[in-house]
Amino acid sequence: MAGIAKRIDFPPLQDLTFQLALQHDRSAYDSAYVALAQYLGVWLFTADRRLFNAVGSALDYVQWIGDDQFEAVPDAEDAETPARRR
């Protein structure tokens, strides 16, 4: 699977990152993820409640994944895969 990861240079994002950090009182680390999602035009799904509470109402592309959606992570051997359904 070549080409899954894509390297994005930070300079185009740095002004937006620091603007978001100051505007929402978040760290540059958190704000870099938010800026990257905005730059790429994609959703940012987060389980970081403090990040979501700080930006979620202002930035509709930041979405909360919710509490306790996953009861447990299945073991690879127990997981139902297309091959096991046959």
C-alpha atoms as a PDB file:
ATOM      1  CA  MET A   1       0.000   0.000   0.000  1.00  0.00           C
ATOM      2  CA  ALA A   2       2.274   2.743  -1.156  1.00  0.00           C
ATOM      3  CA  GLY A   3       1.196   6.326  -0.777  1.00  0.00           C
ATOM      4  CA  ILE A   4      -0.916   6.103   2.395  1.00  0.00           C
ATOM      5  CA  ALA A   5       1.068   8.741   4.287  1.00  0.00           C
ATOM      6  CA  LYS A   6       1.628  12.201   2.955  1.00  0.00           C
ATOM      7  CA  ARG A   7       4.212  14.624   4.285  1.00  0.00           C
ATOM      8  CA  ILE A   8       2.956  18.156   4.789  1.00  0.00           C
ATOM      9  CA  ASP A   9       5.507  20.918   5.362  1.00  0.00           C
ATOM     10  CA  PHE A  10       4.798  23.053   8.400  1.00  0.00           C
ATOM     11  CA  PRO A  11       5.620  26.583   7.097  1.00  0.00           C
ATOM     12  CA  PRO A  12       2.290  26.991   5.245  1.00  0.00           C
ATOM     13  CA  LEU A  13       0.492  26.001   8.466  1.00  0.00           C
ATOM     14  CA  GLN A  14       2.473  27.874  11.087  1.00  0.00           C
ATOM     15  CA  ASP A  15       0.574  31.186  10.967  1.00  0.00           C
ATOM     16  CA  LEU A  16      -2.776  29.409  11.146  1.00  0.00           C
ATOM     17  CA  THR A  17      -1.488  27.131  13.927  1.00  0.00           C
ATOM     18  CA  PHE A  18      -0.437  30.023  16.129  1.00  0.00           C
ATOM     19  CA  GLN A  19      -3.562  32.028  15.292  1.00  0.00           C
ATOM     20  CA  LEU A  20      -5.747  29.101  16.389  1.00  0.00           C
ATOM     21  CA  ALA A  21      -3.622  28.543  19.507  1.00  0.00           C
ATOM     22  CA  LEU A  22      -4.066  32.146  20.626  1.00  0.00           C
ATOM     23  CA  GLN A  23      -7.710  32.385  19.590  1.00  0.00           C
ATOM     24  CA  HIS A  24      -8.776  29.206  21.429  1.00  0.00           C
ATOM     25  CA  ASP A  25      -6.186  29.191  24.232  1.00  0.00           C
ATOM     26  CA  ARG A  26      -4.742  25.856  23.105  1.00  0.00           C
ATOM     27  CA  SER A  27      -1.194  24.607  22.731  1.00  0.00           C
ATOM     28  CA  ALA A  28       0.604  24.870  19.411  1.00  0.00           C
ATOM     29  CA  TYR A  29       0.702  21.054  19.435  1.00  0.00           C
ATOM     30  CA  ASP A  30      -3.121  20.759  19.586  1.00  0.00           C
ATOM     31  CA  SER A  31      -3.601  23.667  17.220  1.00  0.00           C
ATOM     32  CA  ALA A  32      -1.321  22.112  14.590  1.00  0.00           C
ATOM     33  CA  TYR A  33      -3.776  19.209  14.222  1.00  0.00           C
ATOM     34  CA  VAL A  34      -6.681  21.636  13.912  1.00  0.00           C
ATOM     35  CA  ALA A  35      -4.787  23.755  11.385  1.00  0.00           C
ATOM     36  CA  LEU A  36      -3.842  20.688   9.349  1.00  0.00           C
ATOM     37  CA  ALA A  37      -7.467  19.545   9.156  1.00  0.00           C
ATOM     38  CA  GLN A  38      -8.546  23.012   8.048  1.00  0.00           C
ATOM     39  CA  TYR A  39      -5.710  23.227   5.504  1.00  0.00           C
ATOM     40  CA  LEU A  40      -6.602  19.839   4.006  1.00  0.00           C
ATOM     41  CA  GLY A  41     -10.349  20.459   4.184  1.00  0.00           C
ATOM     42  CA  VAL A  42     -11.026  17.293   6.193  1.00  0.00           C
ATOM     43  CA  TRP A  43     -12.780  16.388   9.433  1.00  0.00           C
ATOM     44  CA  LEU A  44     -10.793  16.219  12.652  1.00  0.00           C
ATOM     45  CA  PHE A  45     -12.232  13.553  14.928  1.00  0.00           C
ATOM     46  CA  THR A  46     -10.945  13.763  18.478  1.00  0.00           C
ATOM     47  CA  ALA A  47     -11.298  12.046  21.820  1.00  0.00           C
ATOM     48  CA  ASP A  48      -9.533  14.969  23.486  1.00  0.00           C
ATOM     49  CA  ARG A  49     -12.415  16.500  25.420  1.00  0.00           C
ATOM     50  CA  ARG A  50     -10.538  19.700  26.317  1.00  0.00           C
ATOM     51  CA  LEU A  51      -9.600  20.307  22.675  1.00  0.00           C
ATOM     52  CA  PHE A  52     -13.156  19.680  21.507  1.00  0.00           C
ATOM     53  CA  ASN A  53     -14.665  21.878  24.232  1.00  0.00           C
ATOM     54  CA  ALA A  54     -12.306  24.693  23.290  1.00  0.00           C
ATOM     55  CA  VAL A  55     -12.864  24.665  19.518  1.00  0.00           C
ATOM     56  CA  GLY A  56     -15.837  22.430  18.675  1.00  0.00           C
ATOM     57  CA  SER A  57     -18.520  25.104  18.835  1.00  0.00           C
ATOM     58  CA  ALA A  58     -16.495  27.489  16.642  1.00  0.00           C
ATOM     59  CA  LEU A  59     -15.035  25.012  14.156  1.00  0.00           C
ATOM     60  CA  ASP A  60     -17.600  22.623  12.707  1.00  0.00           C
ATOM     61  CA  TYR A  61     -14.961  20.384  11.129  1.00  0.00           C
ATOM     62  CA  VAL A  62     -13.767  19.343  14.615  1.00  0.00           C
ATOM     63  CA  GLN A  63     -15.949  16.466  15.782  1.00  0.00           C
ATOM     64  CA  TRP A  64     -16.183  14.624  19.099  1.00  0.00           C
ATOM     65  CA  ILE A  65     -16.038  10.845  18.788  1.00  0.00           C
ATOM     66  CA  GLY A  66     -18.086  10.420  21.953  1.00  0.00           C
ATOM     67  CA  ASP A  67     -17.778   8.527  25.178  1.00  0.00           C
ATOM     68  CA  ASP A  68     -17.524   4.771  25.445  1.00  0.00           C
ATOM     69  CA  GLN A  69     -18.322   4.002  21.842  1.00  0.00           C
ATOM     70  CA  PHE A  70     -16.077   0.993  21.938  1.00  0.00           C
ATOM     71  CA  GLU A  71     -16.598  -1.603  24.643  1.00  0.00           C
ATOM     72  CA  ALA A  72     -13.404  -3.447  23.784  1.00  0.00           C
ATOM     73  CA  VAL A  73     -10.916  -3.805  21.008  1.00  0.00           C
ATOM     74  CA  PRO A  74     -11.445  -7.231  19.440  1.00  0.00           C
ATOM     75  CA  ASP A  75      -8.565  -9.652  19.208  1.00  0.00           C
ATOM     76  CA  ALA A  76      -7.313 -10.002  15.660  1.00  0.00           C
ATOM     77  CA  GLU A  77      -8.126 -13.717  15.795  1.00  0.00           C
ATOM     78  CA  ASP A  78     -11.713 -13.044  16.900  1.00  0.00           C
ATOM     79  CA  ALA A  79     -12.439 -10.150  14.546  1.00  0.00           C
ATOM     80  CA  GLU A  80     -14.888 -10.867  11.776  1.00  0.00           C
ATOM     81  CA  THR A  81     -13.220 -10.231   8.467  1.00  0.00           C
ATOM     82  CA  PRO A  82     -14.583 -10.691   4.958  1.00  0.00           C
ATOM     83  CA  ALA A  83     -12.498 -13.856   4.644  1.00  0.00           C
ATOM     84  CA  ARG A  84     -14.011 -15.330   7.837  1.00  0.00           C
ATOM     85  CA  ARG A  85     -17.603 -14.616   6.739  1.00  0.00           C
ATOM     86  CA  ARG A  86     -17.392 -17.086   3.872  1.00  0.00           C
END
